[in-house]
Amino acid sequence: MRKLICLALWSTLIVSAAHSGTITQFTDRSTFDSAVGSTTVEDFTNGSHFPITTGVLNSSTNLVVGSGSPIIPGMIQPGVTYSTTVSGNTYPYDFNIDAGGGFAGGFLDSLVQPNSGRVLTVTFDGPVTAFGFDTNYLMGNTFDITIFFAGGGSFADTISAPASAQLGFFGFQSSAKDIISANLHGDYGYGFGFALDNFTFTEPGGTSPGEVPEPSTVVLLVSGLLGIGVWSRKKQAEEGVQNLV
């Protein structure tokens, strides 16, 4: 009996941990929009605000910056936190909302390379189905992306960046609503750790329309234990009959 209970628990854990979405990639924004439905787009304002010495940018950021107007609460769309490791000084410009460079209005970047390279971490307030962004040659020749899932596991890829100032779109859609965060960094081919604009994401949290929720670990565990209980009672009854014969 003990062995069977342990087996049921182990099987339940395997089923729970193994689930993660399959990523579909897009390089056309209109195709992405048609596939994922309603989204929110963060354009990082219409001008420069730098440096972001706290290393954190979200809808609650309240920061006086060295160049440009202050970043105030509500200036950034809710639902996402953008963060990176910074020195905390006004130079180097670790983390910025910049302008120019082929982008329209403000764009998010890291200008100076630290010894270990700088990674942008994008953390959603709740699981999302999809996200995407615009970038150009300032991202470098290639950029690395790692996507993390709510059920564990990750997806990673190295992608060729656009070779000119013209913006290119890159989108990522999961087959489940389970994307919780992503890491992103370029190869510093043009002196930037990352450079992106028009960050687009589906609504965080809840369940996607038409998506069937995955069974919870508790439900699977209870089902397994109930099955073991039925089997145990049946076996005890059979043994009782054999003892009477």
Protein backbone atom coordinates (compact mmCIF):
# COMPACT_ATOMS: atom_id res chain seq x y z
CA MET A 1 0.00 0.00 0.00
CA ARG A 2 2.74 2.46 0.97
CA LYS A 3 4.53 1.79 -2.32
CA LEU A 4 1.36 2.45 -4.29
CA ILE A 5 0.74 5.75 -2.48
CA CYS A 6 4.32 6.87 -3.16
CA LEU A 7 3.89 5.91 -6.82
CA ALA A 8 0.70 7.96 -7.09
CA LEU A 9 2.39 10.99 -5.52
CA TRP A 10 5.40 10.68 -7.82
CA SER A 11 3.22 10.32 -10.92
CA THR A 12 1.22 13.40 -9.94
CA LEU A 13 4.37 15.48 -9.49
CA ILE A 14 5.72 14.37 -12.86
CA VAL A 15 2.47 15.34 -14.64
CA SER A 16 2.42 18.73 -12.92
CA ALA A 17 6.09 19.61 -13.55
CA ALA A 18 6.14 18.40 -17.13
CA HIS A 19 3.49 20.84 -18.35
CA SER A 20 4.74 23.94 -20.15
CA GLY A 21 3.64 25.71 -23.28
CA THR A 22 5.08 25.36 -26.76
CA ILE A 23 6.42 28.65 -28.15
CA THR A 24 5.48 29.93 -31.60
CA GLN A 25 7.64 32.79 -32.91
CA PHE A 26 6.50 35.68 -35.11
CA THR A 27 8.35 38.29 -37.15
CA ASP A 28 5.24 40.08 -38.42
CA ARG A 29 3.23 42.20 -36.00
CA SER A 30 -0.08 41.94 -37.86
CA THR A 31 0.13 38.13 -37.92
CA PHE A 32 1.01 38.14 -34.23
CA ASP A 33 -1.94 40.42 -33.40
CA SER A 34 -4.32 38.17 -35.31
CA ALA A 35 -3.04 35.10 -33.47
CA VAL A 36 -3.04 36.41 -29.89
CA GLY A 37 -5.98 38.86 -29.84
CA SER A 38 -6.19 41.83 -27.50
CA THR A 39 -2.87 43.25 -26.23
CA THR A 40 -1.36 46.17 -24.34
CA VAL A 41 1.48 48.13 -25.99
CA GLU A 42 4.14 49.97 -23.97
CA ASP A 43 5.76 52.72 -26.08
CA PHE A 44 8.12 53.96 -23.31
CA THR A 45 6.80 57.54 -23.66
CA ASN A 46 7.61 60.04 -26.39
CA GLY A 47 11.04 61.15 -25.16
CA SER A 48 14.14 60.47 -23.06
CA HIS A 49 14.26 59.78 -19.31
CA PHE A 50 17.63 58.54 -18.09
CA PRO A 51 19.42 57.05 -16.26
CA ILE A 52 17.04 54.79 -14.32
CA THR A 53 19.39 54.39 -11.37
CA THR A 54 17.10 52.03 -9.44
CA GLY A 55 17.30 49.39 -12.18
CA VAL A 56 13.53 48.91 -12.04
CA LEU A 57 10.86 50.37 -14.32
CA ASN A 58 7.12 49.75 -13.94
CA SER A 59 3.83 51.59 -13.45
CA SER A 60 4.83 52.55 -9.88
CA THR A 61 8.23 54.07 -10.75
CA ASN A 62 8.64 57.56 -9.30
CA LEU A 63 12.09 58.87 -10.19
CA VAL A 64 13.82 62.15 -10.96
CA VAL A 65 16.35 61.47 -13.72
CA GLY A 66 19.47 63.25 -14.92
CA SER A 67 18.14 63.84 -18.43
CA GLY A 68 14.52 64.43 -19.35
CA SER A 69 11.40 64.85 -17.26
CA PRO A 70 10.81 62.68 -14.17
CA ILE A 71 9.30 59.23 -14.51
CA ILE A 72 6.07 59.35 -12.55
CA PRO A 73 3.56 56.65 -11.48
CA GLY A 74 1.22 55.76 -14.33
CA MET A 75 3.66 56.78 -17.05
CA ILE A 76 4.43 53.09 -17.74
CA GLN A 77 1.62 50.64 -18.49
CA PRO A 78 0.71 48.29 -15.59
CA GLY A 79 1.23 44.56 -15.92
CA VAL A 80 5.00 44.37 -16.50
CA THR A 81 8.18 45.17 -14.57
CA TYR A 82 11.39 45.80 -16.55
CA SER A 83 14.60 45.41 -14.56
CA THR A 84 18.36 45.02 -14.89
CA THR A 85 21.47 45.20 -12.73
CA VAL A 86 22.80 48.77 -12.46
CA SER A 87 25.70 50.54 -10.80
CA GLY A 88 23.39 53.08 -9.16
CA ASN A 89 25.49 55.98 -10.45
CA THR A 90 24.60 58.60 -13.05
CA TYR A 91 27.34 57.14 -15.22
CA PRO A 92 27.59 54.68 -16.85
CA TYR A 93 24.09 54.85 -18.31
CA ASP A 94 23.11 51.33 -17.32
CA PHE A 95 19.37 51.58 -17.89
CA ASN A 96 17.53 54.22 -19.87
CA ILE A 97 14.53 55.39 -21.76
CA ASP A 98 16.33 56.90 -24.75
CA ALA A 99 15.16 58.53 -27.99
CA GLY A 100 16.40 58.47 -31.58
CA GLY A 101 18.43 55.64 -33.12
CA GLY A 102 15.66 54.77 -35.57
CA PHE A 103 12.98 54.46 -32.87
CA ALA A 104 9.89 56.67 -32.72
CA GLY A 105 9.77 58.42 -29.34
CA GLY A 106 11.26 56.70 -26.32
CA PHE A 107 12.79 53.22 -26.29
CA LEU A 108 14.27 51.08 -23.53
CA ASP A 109 18.01 50.38 -23.59
CA SER A 110 21.26 49.70 -21.78
CA LEU A 111 24.15 51.64 -23.24
CA VAL A 112 27.37 50.60 -21.50
CA GLN A 113 28.65 47.03 -21.28
CA PRO A 114 29.60 45.67 -17.84
CA ASN A 115 32.11 42.85 -17.54
CA SER A 116 29.45 40.13 -17.47
CA GLY A 117 26.99 41.66 -19.95
CA ARG A 118 23.68 43.22 -18.99
CA VAL A 119 20.39 41.31 -19.12
CA LEU A 120 16.92 42.84 -19.27
CA THR A 121 14.44 40.87 -17.16
CA VAL A 122 10.77 41.27 -18.03
CA THR A 123 8.44 40.05 -15.28
CA PHE A 124 4.67 39.90 -15.78
CA ASP A 125 2.20 40.55 -12.96
CA GLY A 126 0.59 37.20 -13.83
CA PRO A 127 1.00 34.54 -16.53
CA VAL A 128 0.52 35.74 -20.11
CA THR A 129 -0.03 33.92 -23.37
CA ALA A 130 2.20 36.07 -25.56
CA PHE A 131 4.48 39.09 -25.82
CA GLY A 132 6.57 40.85 -28.44
CA PHE A 133 8.59 43.99 -29.20
CA ASP A 134 10.23 46.08 -31.90
CA THR A 135 14.00 46.41 -32.20
CA ASN A 136 16.72 47.24 -34.73
CA TYR A 137 20.49 47.09 -35.21
CA LEU A 138 21.09 48.66 -31.78
CA MET A 139 20.20 45.27 -30.30
CA GLY A 140 23.42 43.97 -31.92
CA ASN A 141 23.92 41.34 -34.56
CA THR A 142 22.06 38.75 -32.49
CA PHE A 143 20.16 38.67 -29.22
CA ASP A 144 19.46 35.89 -26.73
CA ILE A 145 16.04 35.33 -25.22
CA THR A 146 14.96 32.95 -22.45
CA ILE A 147 11.27 32.55 -21.59
CA PHE A 148 10.23 31.07 -18.23
CA PHE A 149 6.98 29.16 -17.63
CA ALA A 150 4.71 29.09 -14.57
CA GLY A 151 4.84 25.29 -14.45
CA GLY A 152 8.62 25.19 -14.58
CA GLY A 153 10.99 24.88 -17.51
CA SER A 154 12.02 27.45 -20.07
CA PHE A 155 12.47 28.19 -23.76
CA ALA A 156 15.70 29.72 -25.10
CA ASP A 157 16.85 30.91 -28.51
CA THR A 158 19.45 33.12 -30.21
CA ILE A 159 17.87 35.34 -32.85
CA SER A 160 19.36 37.48 -35.63
CA ALA A 161 18.61 41.16 -35.06
CA PRO A 162 17.74 43.59 -37.86
CA ALA A 163 20.81 44.87 -39.72
CA SER A 164 19.59 48.48 -40.08
CA ALA A 165 17.81 51.25 -38.19
CA GLN A 166 14.50 50.02 -39.57
CA LEU A 167 12.49 48.37 -36.82
CA GLY A 168 11.75 44.65 -36.90
CA PHE A 169 9.12 42.88 -34.82
CA PHE A 170 9.69 39.73 -32.74
CA GLY A 171 6.77 37.98 -31.04
CA PHE A 172 6.45 34.88 -28.87
CA GLN A 173 3.22 33.01 -28.17
CA SER A 174 2.78 30.05 -25.83
CA SER A 175 0.23 27.30 -26.38
CA ALA A 176 -0.84 27.91 -22.76
CA LYS A 177 -1.23 30.99 -20.59
CA ASP A 178 1.94 30.25 -18.66
CA ILE A 179 4.67 32.79 -19.53
CA ILE A 180 5.75 34.51 -16.31
CA SER A 181 9.01 36.23 -17.29
CA ALA A 182 11.74 36.54 -19.90
CA ASN A 183 15.43 37.47 -20.05
CA LEU A 184 16.76 39.39 -23.04
CA HIS A 185 20.15 40.69 -24.08
CA GLY A 186 22.01 41.57 -27.25
CA ASP A 187 25.63 40.89 -28.23
CA TYR A 188 26.81 44.53 -27.82
CA GLY A 189 27.63 44.66 -31.53
CA TYR A 190 26.76 48.38 -31.47
CA GLY A 191 27.46 49.18 -27.83
CA PHE A 192 23.98 48.45 -26.44
CA GLY A 193 23.09 45.60 -24.10
CA PHE A 194 19.50 45.76 -25.32
CA ALA A 195 17.29 48.19 -27.21
CA LEU A 196 13.56 47.74 -27.74
CA ASP A 197 10.29 49.58 -28.13
CA ASN A 198 6.54 48.95 -28.34
CA PHE A 199 6.65 46.08 -25.87
CA THR A 200 3.39 44.20 -26.42
CA PHE A 201 1.74 41.68 -24.09
CA THR A 202 -1.54 39.88 -23.51
CA GLU A 203 -3.50 40.34 -20.30
CA PRO A 204 -1.65 38.92 -17.25
CA GLY A 205 -3.35 36.35 -15.02
CA GLY A 206 -6.58 34.40 -15.35
CA THR A 207 -7.36 31.98 -18.16
CA SER A 208 -7.22 32.67 -21.88
CA PRO A 209 -10.60 32.63 -23.70
CA GLY A 210 -11.27 29.14 -25.04
CA GLU A 211 -8.39 27.64 -23.06
CA VAL A 212 -9.20 24.62 -20.90
CA PRO A 213 -7.46 24.96 -17.52
CA GLU A 214 -4.94 22.29 -16.59
CA PRO A 215 -6.02 19.95 -13.71
CA SER A 216 -4.45 21.04 -10.46
CA THR A 217 -1.99 18.91 -8.56
CA VAL A 218 -4.49 18.57 -5.72
CA VAL A 219 -7.18 17.17 -8.01
CA LEU A 220 -4.76 14.67 -9.52
CA LEU A 221 -3.53 13.62 -6.09
CA VAL A 222 -7.04 13.14 -4.70
CA SER A 223 -8.05 11.12 -7.75
CA GLY A 224 -5.02 8.88 -7.34
CA LEU A 225 -5.64 8.32 -3.64
CA LEU A 226 -9.33 7.55 -4.23
CA GLY A 227 -8.33 4.96 -6.82
CA ILE A 228 -5.93 3.38 -4.34
CA GLY A 229 -8.66 3.32 -1.68
CA VAL A 230 -11.08 1.50 -4.00
CA TRP A 231 -8.37 -1.00 -4.96
CA SER A 232 -7.48 -1.55 -1.28
CA ARG A 233 -11.09 -2.24 -0.23
CA LYS A 234 -11.57 -4.62 -3.14
CA LYS A 235 -8.42 -6.52 -2.23
CA GLN A 236 -9.43 -6.73 1.43
CA ALA A 237 -12.83 -8.10 0.42
CA GLU A 238 -11.20 -10.75 -1.78
CA GLU A 239 -8.89 -11.78 1.05
CA GLY A 240 -11.88 -12.02 3.40
CA VAL A 241 -13.68 -14.36 1.02
CA GLN A 242 -10.58 -16.53 0.67
CA ASN A 243 -10.29 -16.80 4.48
CA LEU A 244 -13.88 -18.01 4.73
CA VAL A 245 -13.34 -20.77 2.16
